[in-house]
């Protein structure tokens, strides 16, 4: 199939039309989300269930009065292991949600039987993913706020202390990184028709190497080298240092600069990969195959 045939609809495409398409897709996804109340209930359950197992384990190992937390404090700068674990878990669950929701968006369209018809619409193909990602981003913000509230009420963990401004900056820089990874996963669906195995693999790698529930300093040297390549390592360290140790720009500038570089590179690489895979799917004619 010739993929270089001119597409006349491109001439009438503009930023305004693409933005309108993104908003309409986001609205559609929001309507679907509201139709399933169990999804809303999950936003209140998972933020608590996932970190509790690690918090109780840390409490058992640290002793009733925290007698064994000296080494932990030396490595992390804080004795508040509950807040340490909660912050890492929240960011990891955010990544996990994005991998599943944004990365599997095109697969869901396949399952609904709407992918091919959407592909024929006179709009930028990435807009299809960005529209779904916008809704998931709003859900993720709600997820983070619910998590902060629940741990404040249930465990007395107060996370909105310290340098909140730099913590928010780290989170803002993490948004394009996480969604860039999500776009890359969306492209895998076009090629392999399934991304479950890759989601399990990647989220497991991030959990082990990024220090979700423990300081990266306890990892062997070769594992720390891998951790230094993963953007979530810097996001978690920056947020923890800002909120738990009241770190300022001098302490966090290196982390934030790395996050800034990843915030540019991750969406760009995700878009390039998506374009390569999408052109391959058009040549093979297997876009609608399961």
C-alpha atoms as a PDB file:
ATOM      1  CA  UNK A   1       0.000   0.000   0.000  1.00  0.00           C
ATOM      2  CA  UNK A   2       1.322   3.423  -0.913  1.00  0.00           C
ATOM      3  CA  UNK A   3       1.611   5.492   2.234  1.00  0.00           C
ATOM      4  CA  UNK A   4       2.700   8.654   0.418  1.00  0.00           C
ATOM      5  CA  UNK A   5      -0.669   9.419  -1.163  1.00  0.00           C
ATOM      6  CA  UNK A   6      -1.652  13.006  -0.425  1.00  0.00           C
ATOM      7  CA  UNK A   7      -4.344  13.433   2.178  1.00  0.00           C
ATOM      8  CA  UNK A   8      -6.392  16.511   1.232  1.00  0.00           C
ATOM      9  CA  UNK A   9      -7.904  16.958   4.667  1.00  0.00           C
ATOM     10  CA  UNK A  10      -4.481  18.021   6.003  1.00  0.00           C
ATOM     11  CA  UNK A  11      -4.822  21.376   4.253  1.00  0.00           C
ATOM     12  CA  UNK A  12      -7.801  22.359   6.416  1.00  0.00           C
ATOM     13  CA  UNK A  13      -6.326  21.176   9.671  1.00  0.00           C
ATOM     14  CA  UNK A  14      -5.361  23.742  12.301  1.00  0.00           C
ATOM     15  CA  UNK A  15      -4.416  23.927  15.943  1.00  0.00           C
ATOM     16  CA  UNK A  16      -7.975  24.945  16.800  1.00  0.00           C
ATOM     17  CA  UNK A  17      -9.486  21.921  15.047  1.00  0.00           C
ATOM     18  CA  UNK A  18      -7.016  19.578  16.711  1.00  0.00           C
ATOM     19  CA  UNK A  19      -7.741  21.084  20.121  1.00  0.00           C
ATOM     20  CA  UNK A  20     -11.469  20.687  19.518  1.00  0.00           C
ATOM     21  CA  UNK A  21     -10.929  17.039  18.593  1.00  0.00           C
ATOM     22  CA  UNK A  22      -8.885  16.455  21.755  1.00  0.00           C
ATOM     23  CA  UNK A  23     -11.586  18.031  23.924  1.00  0.00           C
ATOM     24  CA  UNK A  24     -14.363  16.035  22.268  1.00  0.00           C
ATOM     25  CA  UNK A  25     -12.488  12.775  22.797  1.00  0.00           C
ATOM     26  CA  UNK A  26     -11.816  13.765  26.413  1.00  0.00           C
ATOM     27  CA  UNK A  27     -15.514  14.465  26.886  1.00  0.00           C
ATOM     28  CA  UNK A  28     -16.400  11.076  25.421  1.00  0.00           C
ATOM     29  CA  UNK A  29     -13.963   9.306  27.751  1.00  0.00           C
ATOM     30  CA  UNK A  30     -15.330  11.227  30.736  1.00  0.00           C
ATOM     31  CA  UNK A  31     -18.872  10.174  29.879  1.00  0.00           C
ATOM     32  CA  UNK A  32     -17.743   6.537  29.732  1.00  0.00           C
ATOM     33  CA  UNK A  33     -15.903   6.883  33.045  1.00  0.00           C
ATOM     34  CA  UNK A  34     -19.013   8.265  34.776  1.00  0.00           C
ATOM     35  CA  UNK A  35     -21.088   5.330  33.557  1.00  0.00           C
ATOM     36  CA  UNK A  36     -19.126   2.889  35.741  1.00  0.00           C
ATOM     37  CA  UNK A  37     -19.369   3.829  39.440  1.00  0.00           C
ATOM     38  CA  UNK A  38     -17.035   0.981  40.429  1.00  0.00           C
ATOM     39  CA  UNK A  39     -14.169   2.875  38.786  1.00  0.00           C
ATOM     40  CA  UNK A  40     -14.852   5.812  41.103  1.00  0.00           C
ATOM     41  CA  UNK A  41     -14.923   3.513  44.137  1.00  0.00           C
ATOM     42  CA  UNK A  42     -11.516   2.138  43.114  1.00  0.00           C
ATOM     43  CA  UNK A  43     -10.052   5.649  43.409  1.00  0.00           C
ATOM     44  CA  UNK A  44     -10.810   5.526  47.136  1.00  0.00           C
ATOM     45  CA  UNK A  45      -9.612   1.959  47.741  1.00  0.00           C
ATOM     46  CA  UNK A  46      -6.339   1.476  45.867  1.00  0.00           C
ATOM     47  CA  UNK A  47      -4.509   4.525  47.276  1.00  0.00           C
ATOM     48  CA  UNK A  48      -4.769   2.987  50.737  1.00  0.00           C
ATOM     49  CA  UNK A  49      -4.472  -0.749  50.077  1.00  0.00           C
ATOM     50  CA  UNK A  50      -1.274  -0.720  48.052  1.00  0.00           C
ATOM     51  CA  UNK A  51       1.009   1.221  50.467  1.00  0.00           C
ATOM     52  CA  UNK A  52      -0.390  -0.251  53.706  1.00  0.00           C
ATOM     53  CA  UNK A  53       1.394  -3.581  53.305  1.00  0.00           C
ATOM     54  CA  UNK A  54       4.749  -1.811  53.005  1.00  0.00           C
ATOM     55  CA  UNK A  55       3.978   0.607  55.838  1.00  0.00           C
ATOM     56  CA  UNK A  56       3.125  -2.205  58.269  1.00  0.00           C
ATOM     57  CA  UNK A  57       6.231  -4.122  57.195  1.00  0.00           C
ATOM     58  CA  UNK A  58       8.381  -1.051  57.851  1.00  0.00           C
ATOM     59  CA  UNK A  59       6.698  -0.586  61.217  1.00  0.00           C
ATOM     60  CA  UNK A  60       7.489  -4.171  62.173  1.00  0.00           C
ATOM     61  CA  UNK A  61      11.116  -3.859  61.107  1.00  0.00           C
ATOM     62  CA  UNK A  62      11.560  -0.429  62.664  1.00  0.00           C
ATOM     63  CA  UNK A  63      10.201  -1.438  66.045  1.00  0.00           C
ATOM     64  CA  UNK A  64       7.225  -0.088  68.010  1.00  0.00           C
ATOM     65  CA  UNK A  65       9.020   3.159  68.827  1.00  0.00           C
ATOM     66  CA  UNK A  66      11.170   3.368  65.723  1.00  0.00           C
ATOM     67  CA  UNK A  67      14.250   2.024  67.519  1.00  0.00           C
ATOM     68  CA  UNK A  68      15.770   0.686  64.284  1.00  0.00           C
ATOM     69  CA  UNK A  69      15.186   3.732  62.069  1.00  0.00           C
ATOM     70  CA  UNK A  70      18.586   5.337  62.544  1.00  0.00           C
ATOM     71  CA  UNK A  71      20.034   3.864  59.367  1.00  0.00           C
ATOM     72  CA  UNK A  72      16.872   4.684  57.447  1.00  0.00           C
ATOM     73  CA  UNK A  73      17.159   8.312  58.563  1.00  0.00           C
ATOM     74  CA  UNK A  74      20.802   8.420  57.493  1.00  0.00           C
ATOM     75  CA  UNK A  75      19.875   7.250  53.992  1.00  0.00           C
ATOM     76  CA  UNK A  76      16.711   9.310  53.509  1.00  0.00           C
ATOM     77  CA  UNK A  77      16.978  12.326  55.803  1.00  0.00           C
ATOM     78  CA  UNK A  78      13.688  11.490  57.533  1.00  0.00           C
ATOM     79  CA  UNK A  79      12.318   9.064  60.105  1.00  0.00           C
ATOM     80  CA  UNK A  80       8.802   9.293  58.684  1.00  0.00           C
ATOM     81  CA  UNK A  81       8.827   6.004  56.800  1.00  0.00           C
ATOM     82  CA  UNK A  82       5.047   6.116  56.266  1.00  0.00           C
ATOM     83  CA  UNK A  83       5.226   9.403  54.349  1.00  0.00           C
ATOM     84  CA  UNK A  84       8.299   8.124  52.488  1.00  0.00           C
ATOM     85  CA  UNK A  85       6.423   5.028  51.321  1.00  0.00           C
ATOM     86  CA  UNK A  86       3.185   6.881  50.553  1.00  0.00           C
ATOM     87  CA  UNK A  87       4.881   9.414  48.268  1.00  0.00           C
ATOM     88  CA  UNK A  88       6.710   6.723  46.309  1.00  0.00           C
ATOM     89  CA  UNK A  89       3.583   4.588  46.050  1.00  0.00           C
ATOM     90  CA  UNK A  90       1.412   7.463  44.818  1.00  0.00           C
ATOM     91  CA  UNK A  91       3.813   8.295  41.989  1.00  0.00           C
ATOM     92  CA  UNK A  92       4.176   4.642  41.031  1.00  0.00           C
ATOM     93  CA  UNK A  93       0.400   4.109  41.003  1.00  0.00           C
ATOM     94  CA  UNK A  94       0.069   7.210  38.824  1.00  0.00           C
ATOM     95  CA  UNK A  95       2.507   5.710  36.325  1.00  0.00           C
ATOM     96  CA  UNK A  96       0.700   2.383  36.520  1.00  0.00           C
ATOM     97  CA  UNK A  97      -2.679   4.000  35.813  1.00  0.00           C
ATOM     98  CA  UNK A  98      -1.238   5.865  32.835  1.00  0.00           C
ATOM     99  CA  UNK A  99       0.348   2.761  31.357  1.00  0.00           C
ATOM    100  CA  UNK A 100      -2.936   0.892  31.600  1.00  0.00           C
ATOM    101  CA  UNK A 101      -5.316   3.660  30.587  1.00  0.00           C
ATOM    102  CA  UNK A 102      -3.357   5.666  28.018  1.00  0.00           C
ATOM    103  CA  UNK A 103      -1.264   2.758  26.799  1.00  0.00           C
ATOM    104  CA  UNK A 104      -4.340   0.570  26.319  1.00  0.00           C
ATOM    105  CA  UNK A 105      -6.556   3.310  24.874  1.00  0.00           C
ATOM    106  CA  UNK A 106      -6.199   2.144  21.268  1.00  0.00           C
ATOM    107  CA  UNK A 107      -6.721  -1.465  22.318  1.00  0.00           C
ATOM    108  CA  UNK A 108      -9.994  -0.481  23.958  1.00  0.00           C
ATOM    109  CA  UNK A 109     -11.021   1.268  20.745  1.00  0.00           C
ATOM    110  CA  UNK A 110     -10.274  -1.990  18.928  1.00  0.00           C
ATOM    111  CA  UNK A 111     -12.412  -3.914  21.387  1.00  0.00           C
ATOM    112  CA  UNK A 112     -15.259  -1.424  20.925  1.00  0.00           C
ATOM    113  CA  UNK A 113     -14.978  -1.706  17.142  1.00  0.00           C
ATOM    114  CA  UNK A 114     -14.345   2.028  16.696  1.00  0.00           C
ATOM    115  CA  UNK A 115     -10.611   2.209  16.005  1.00  0.00           C
ATOM    116  CA  UNK A 116     -10.759   2.016  12.225  1.00  0.00           C
ATOM    117  CA  UNK A 117     -13.567   4.573  11.914  1.00  0.00           C
ATOM    118  CA  UNK A 118     -11.713   6.953  14.242  1.00  0.00           C
ATOM    119  CA  UNK A 119      -8.559   6.473  12.169  1.00  0.00           C
ATOM    120  CA  UNK A 120     -10.421   7.778   9.130  1.00  0.00           C
ATOM    121  CA  UNK A 121     -11.359  11.043  10.848  1.00  0.00           C
ATOM    122  CA  UNK A 122      -9.674  14.195   9.470  1.00  0.00           C
ATOM    123  CA  UNK A 123      -7.520  14.746  12.532  1.00  0.00           C
ATOM    124  CA  UNK A 124      -4.012  14.098  13.794  1.00  0.00           C
ATOM    125  CA  UNK A 125      -3.831  10.480  14.971  1.00  0.00           C
ATOM    126  CA  UNK A 126      -1.999  11.427  18.166  1.00  0.00           C
ATOM    127  CA  UNK A 127      -4.971  13.658  19.042  1.00  0.00           C
ATOM    128  CA  UNK A 128      -6.952  10.468  19.555  1.00  0.00           C
ATOM    129  CA  UNK A 129      -4.556   9.449  22.301  1.00  0.00           C
ATOM    130  CA  UNK A 130      -4.168  12.949  23.762  1.00  0.00           C
ATOM    131  CA  UNK A 131      -7.930  13.238  24.196  1.00  0.00           C
ATOM    132  CA  UNK A 132      -8.032  10.041  26.212  1.00  0.00           C
ATOM    133  CA  UNK A 133      -4.900  11.097  28.104  1.00  0.00           C
ATOM    134  CA  UNK A 134      -6.513  14.390  29.124  1.00  0.00           C
ATOM    135  CA  UNK A 135      -9.358  12.599  30.890  1.00  0.00           C
ATOM    136  CA  UNK A 136      -6.941  10.186  32.550  1.00  0.00           C
ATOM    137  CA  UNK A 137      -4.837  13.130  33.718  1.00  0.00           C
ATOM    138  CA  UNK A 138      -7.847  14.653  35.465  1.00  0.00           C
ATOM    139  CA  UNK A 139      -8.622  11.289  37.053  1.00  0.00           C
ATOM    140  CA  UNK A 140      -4.972  11.023  38.161  1.00  0.00           C
ATOM    141  CA  UNK A 141      -5.133  14.449  39.834  1.00  0.00           C
ATOM    142  CA  UNK A 142      -8.269  13.324  41.692  1.00  0.00           C
ATOM    143  CA  UNK A 143      -6.461  10.095  42.633  1.00  0.00           C
ATOM    144  CA  UNK A 144      -3.505  12.013  44.110  1.00  0.00           C
ATOM    145  CA  UNK A 145      -5.744  14.379  46.085  1.00  0.00           C
ATOM    146  CA  UNK A 146      -7.808  11.479  47.435  1.00  0.00           C
ATOM    147  CA  UNK A 147      -4.607   9.697  48.457  1.00  0.00           C
ATOM    148  CA  UNK A 148      -3.321  12.725  50.359  1.00  0.00           C
ATOM    149  CA  UNK A 149      -6.649  13.128  52.150  1.00  0.00           C
ATOM    150  CA  UNK A 150      -7.047   9.467  53.085  1.00  0.00           C
ATOM    151  CA  UNK A 151      -3.564   9.093  54.539  1.00  0.00           C
ATOM    152  CA  UNK A 152      -4.000  12.324  56.458  1.00  0.00           C
ATOM    153  CA  UNK A 153      -7.251  11.063  57.998  1.00  0.00           C
ATOM    154  CA  UNK A 154      -6.420   7.368  58.465  1.00  0.00           C
ATOM    155  CA  UNK A 155      -2.729   7.438  59.402  1.00  0.00           C
ATOM    156  CA  UNK A 156      -2.061  11.062  60.287  1.00  0.00           C
ATOM    157  CA  UNK A 157       0.457  11.361  57.450  1.00  0.00           C
ATOM    158  CA  UNK A 158       0.663  15.039  56.528  1.00  0.00           C
ATOM    159  CA  UNK A 159       2.362  15.396  53.164  1.00  0.00           C
ATOM    160  CA  UNK A 160       1.604  18.994  52.223  1.00  0.00           C
ATOM    161  CA  UNK A 161       4.470  20.383  54.273  1.00  0.00           C
ATOM    162  CA  UNK A 162       7.969  21.466  53.387  1.00  0.00           C
ATOM    163  CA  UNK A 163       8.683  23.008  49.990  1.00  0.00           C
ATOM    164  CA  UNK A 164       5.326  22.426  48.284  1.00  0.00           C
ATOM    165  CA  UNK A 165       6.193  24.692  45.338  1.00  0.00           C
ATOM    166  CA  UNK A 166       9.197  22.655  44.190  1.00  0.00           C
ATOM    167  CA  UNK A 167       7.273  19.423  44.766  1.00  0.00           C
ATOM    168  CA  UNK A 168       4.529  20.704  42.442  1.00  0.00           C
ATOM    169  CA  UNK A 169       7.163  21.704  39.881  1.00  0.00           C
ATOM    170  CA  UNK A 170       8.573  18.173  39.963  1.00  0.00           C
ATOM    171  CA  UNK A 171       5.061  16.769  39.469  1.00  0.00           C
ATOM    172  CA  UNK A 172       4.384  19.130  36.544  1.00  0.00           C
ATOM    173  CA  UNK A 173       7.608  18.035  34.862  1.00  0.00           C
ATOM    174  CA  UNK A 174       6.634  14.407  35.436  1.00  0.00           C
ATOM    175  CA  UNK A 175       3.296  14.761  33.604  1.00  0.00           C
ATOM    176  CA  UNK A 176       4.753  14.852  30.041  1.00  0.00           C
ATOM    177  CA  UNK A 177       7.195  12.089  30.973  1.00  0.00           C
ATOM    178  CA  UNK A 178       4.496   9.716  32.175  1.00  0.00           C
ATOM    179  CA  UNK A 179       2.243  10.460  29.220  1.00  0.00           C
ATOM    180  CA  UNK A 180       5.139  10.174  26.773  1.00  0.00           C
ATOM    181  CA  UNK A 181       5.665   6.643  28.078  1.00  0.00           C
ATOM    182  CA  UNK A 182       1.917   6.083  27.715  1.00  0.00           C
ATOM    183  CA  UNK A 183       2.016   7.135  24.037  1.00  0.00           C
ATOM    184  CA  UNK A 184       4.870   4.710  23.452  1.00  0.00           C
ATOM    185  CA  UNK A 185       2.766   1.936  24.951  1.00  0.00           C
ATOM    186  CA  UNK A 186      -0.189   2.926  22.808  1.00  0.00           C
ATOM    187  CA  UNK A 187       1.982   2.346  19.742  1.00  0.00           C
ATOM    188  CA  UNK A 188       2.720  -1.180  20.942  1.00  0.00           C
ATOM    189  CA  UNK A 189      -0.961  -2.018  20.645  1.00  0.00           C
ATOM    190  CA  UNK A 190      -0.878  -1.155  16.950  1.00  0.00           C
ATOM    191  CA  UNK A 191       2.032  -3.529  16.437  1.00  0.00           C
ATOM    192  CA  UNK A 192       1.424  -6.398  18.850  1.00  0.00           C
ATOM    193  CA  UNK A 193      -2.336  -5.975  19.527  1.00  0.00           C
ATOM    194  CA  UNK A 194      -1.666  -6.448  23.232  1.00  0.00           C
ATOM    195  CA  UNK A 195       0.452  -4.576  25.776  1.00  0.00           C
ATOM    196  CA  UNK A 196      -0.393  -6.368  29.044  1.00  0.00           C
ATOM    197  CA  UNK A 197       2.927  -8.183  29.306  1.00  0.00           C
ATOM    198  CA  UNK A 198       4.890  -4.992  28.646  1.00  0.00           C
ATOM    199  CA  UNK A 199       2.880  -3.061  31.235  1.00  0.00           C
ATOM    200  CA  UNK A 200       3.613  -5.715  33.869  1.00  0.00           C
ATOM    201  CA  UNK A 201       7.297  -5.706  32.919  1.00  0.00           C
ATOM    202  CA  UNK A 202       7.795  -1.943  32.891  1.00  0.00           C
ATOM    203  CA  UNK A 203       5.842  -1.211  36.061  1.00  0.00           C
ATOM    204  CA  UNK A 204       7.818  -3.953  37.812  1.00  0.00           C
ATOM    205  CA  UNK A 205      11.111  -2.431  36.653  1.00  0.00           C
ATOM    206  CA  UNK A 206      10.083   0.994  37.935  1.00  0.00           C
ATOM    207  CA  UNK A 207       8.948  -0.475  41.268  1.00  0.00           C
ATOM    208  CA  UNK A 208      12.238  -2.284  41.873  1.00  0.00           C
ATOM    209  CA  UNK A 209      14.754   0.226  40.550  1.00  0.00           C
ATOM    210  CA  UNK A 210      13.167   3.593  41.439  1.00  0.00           C
ATOM    211  CA  UNK A 211      12.991   3.103  45.208  1.00  0.00           C
ATOM    212  CA  UNK A 212       9.224   3.148  45.525  1.00  0.00           C
ATOM    213  CA  UNK A 213       9.201   1.760  49.070  1.00  0.00           C
ATOM    214  CA  UNK A 214      12.908   1.930  49.984  1.00  0.00           C
ATOM    215  CA  UNK A 215      15.866   4.272  49.378  1.00  0.00           C
ATOM    216  CA  UNK A 216      17.758   3.688  46.129  1.00  0.00           C
ATOM    217  CA  UNK A 217      21.007   3.792  48.136  1.00  0.00           C
ATOM    218  CA  UNK A 218      20.407   0.248  49.432  1.00  0.00           C
ATOM    219  CA  UNK A 219      20.481  -1.202  45.898  1.00  0.00           C
ATOM    220  CA  UNK A 220      23.614  -2.892  44.551  1.00  0.00           C
ATOM    221  CA  UNK A 221      25.823  -0.676  42.414  1.00  0.00           C
ATOM    222  CA  UNK A 222      24.711  -2.062  39.045  1.00  0.00           C
ATOM    223  CA  UNK A 223      21.067  -1.583  39.999  1.00  0.00           C
ATOM    224  CA  UNK A 224      21.745   2.020  40.998  1.00  0.00           C
ATOM    225  CA  UNK A 225      23.164   2.594  37.508  1.00  0.00           C
ATOM    226  CA  UNK A 226      19.850   1.434  35.999  1.00  0.00           C
ATOM    227  CA  UNK A 227      17.905   3.538  38.519  1.00  0.00           C
ATOM    228  CA  UNK A 228      19.842   6.615  37.387  1.00  0.00           C
ATOM    229  CA  UNK A 229      18.456   6.144  33.850  1.00  0.00           C
ATOM    230  CA  UNK A 230      14.798   5.997  34.891  1.00  0.00           C
ATOM    231  CA  UNK A 231      12.994   9.365  35.126  1.00  0.00           C
ATOM    232  CA  UNK A 232      10.699   8.281  37.959  1.00  0.00           C
ATOM    233  CA  UNK A 233      13.759   7.932  40.206  1.00  0.00           C
ATOM    234  CA  UNK A 234      14.358  11.679  39.989  1.00  0.00           C
ATOM    235  CA  UNK A 235      10.678  12.559  40.359  1.00  0.00           C
ATOM    236  CA  UNK A 236      10.294  10.489  43.522  1.00  0.00           C
ATOM    237  CA  UNK A 237      13.541  11.785  45.029  1.00  0.00           C
ATOM    238  CA  UNK A 238      12.639  15.415  44.284  1.00  0.00           C
ATOM    239  CA  UNK A 239       9.122  15.165  45.715  1.00  0.00           C
ATOM    240  CA  UNK A 240      10.307  13.354  48.835  1.00  0.00           C
ATOM    241  CA  UNK A 241      13.170  15.781  49.440  1.00  0.00           C
ATOM    242  CA  UNK A 242      10.932  18.810  48.925  1.00  0.00           C
ATOM    243  CA  UNK A 243       8.082  17.646  51.159  1.00  0.00           C
ATOM    244  CA  UNK A 244       9.887  15.611  53.816  1.00  0.00           C
ATOM    245  CA  UNK A 245      13.214  17.459  54.118  1.00  0.00           C
ATOM    246  CA  UNK A 246      12.114  20.947  52.974  1.00  0.00           C
ATOM    247  CA  UNK A 247      14.842  20.885  50.327  1.00  0.00           C
ATOM    248  CA  UNK A 248      15.332  24.010  48.246  1.00  0.00           C
ATOM    249  CA  UNK A 249      16.479  24.745  44.705  1.00  0.00           C
ATOM    250  CA  UNK A 250      20.143  24.147  45.550  1.00  0.00           C
ATOM    251  CA  UNK A 251      19.434  20.567  46.624  1.00  0.00           C
ATOM    252  CA  UNK A 252      16.856  19.800  43.918  1.00  0.00           C
ATOM    253  CA  UNK A 253      18.218  21.638  40.868  1.00  0.00           C
ATOM    254  CA  UNK A 254      19.982  18.540  39.504  1.00  0.00           C
ATOM    255  CA  UNK A 255      16.835  16.410  39.796  1.00  0.00           C
ATOM    256  CA  UNK A 256      14.629  19.092  38.252  1.00  0.00           C
ATOM    257  CA  UNK A 257      16.993  19.690  35.334  1.00  0.00           C
ATOM    258  CA  UNK A 258      17.044  15.970  34.572  1.00  0.00           C
ATOM    259  CA  UNK A 259      13.250  15.879  34.772  1.00  0.00           C
ATOM    260  CA  UNK A 260      13.106  18.863  32.429  1.00  0.00           C
ATOM    261  CA  UNK A 261      15.235  17.020  29.871  1.00  0.00           C
ATOM    262  CA  UNK A 262      13.071  13.908  30.166  1.00  0.00           C
ATOM    263  CA  UNK A 263       9.922  16.055  29.896  1.00  0.00           C
ATOM    264  CA  UNK A 264      11.094  17.056  26.404  1.00  0.00           C
ATOM    265  CA  UNK A 265      12.568  13.724  25.339  1.00  0.00           C
ATOM    266  CA  UNK A 266       9.847  11.312  26.501  1.00  0.00           C
ATOM    267  CA  UNK A 267       6.908  12.817  24.527  1.00  0.00           C
ATOM    268  CA  UNK A 268       9.153  13.301  21.491  1.00  0.00           C
ATOM    269  CA  UNK A 269      10.364   9.709  21.533  1.00  0.00           C
ATOM    270  CA  UNK A 270       6.832   8.471  22.181  1.00  0.00           C
ATOM    271  CA  UNK A 271       5.573  10.432  19.181  1.00  0.00           C
ATOM    272  CA  UNK A 272       8.389   9.173  16.930  1.00  0.00           C
ATOM    273  CA  UNK A 273       7.758   5.566  17.954  1.00  0.00           C
ATOM    274  CA  UNK A 274       4.027   6.005  17.442  1.00  0.00           C
ATOM    275  CA  UNK A 275       4.617   7.424  13.950  1.00  0.00           C
ATOM    276  CA  UNK A 276       6.909   4.564  12.954  1.00  0.00           C
ATOM    277  CA  UNK A 277       4.528   1.879  14.194  1.00  0.00           C
ATOM    278  CA  UNK A 278       1.467   3.615  12.707  1.00  0.00           C
ATOM    279  CA  UNK A 279       3.074   3.810   9.254  1.00  0.00           C
ATOM    280  CA  UNK A 280       4.013   0.153   9.513  1.00  0.00           C
ATOM    281  CA  UNK A 281       0.412  -0.772  10.400  1.00  0.00           C
ATOM    282  CA  UNK A 282      -0.831   1.147   7.349  1.00  0.00           C
ATOM    283  CA  UNK A 283       1.612  -0.634   5.058  1.00  0.00           C
ATOM    284  CA  UNK A 284       0.655  -4.050   6.387  1.00  0.00           C
ATOM    285  CA  UNK A 285      -3.064  -3.235   6.439  1.00  0.00           C
ATOM    286  CA  UNK A 286      -3.487  -4.805   9.887  1.00  0.00           C
ATOM    287  CA  UNK A 287      -4.862  -1.829  11.800  1.00  0.00           C
ATOM    288  CA  UNK A 288      -8.161  -3.522  12.579  1.00  0.00           C
ATOM    289  CA  UNK A 289      -6.788  -6.993  13.194  1.00  0.00           C
ATOM    290  CA  UNK A 290      -7.021  -8.461  16.671  1.00  0.00           C
END
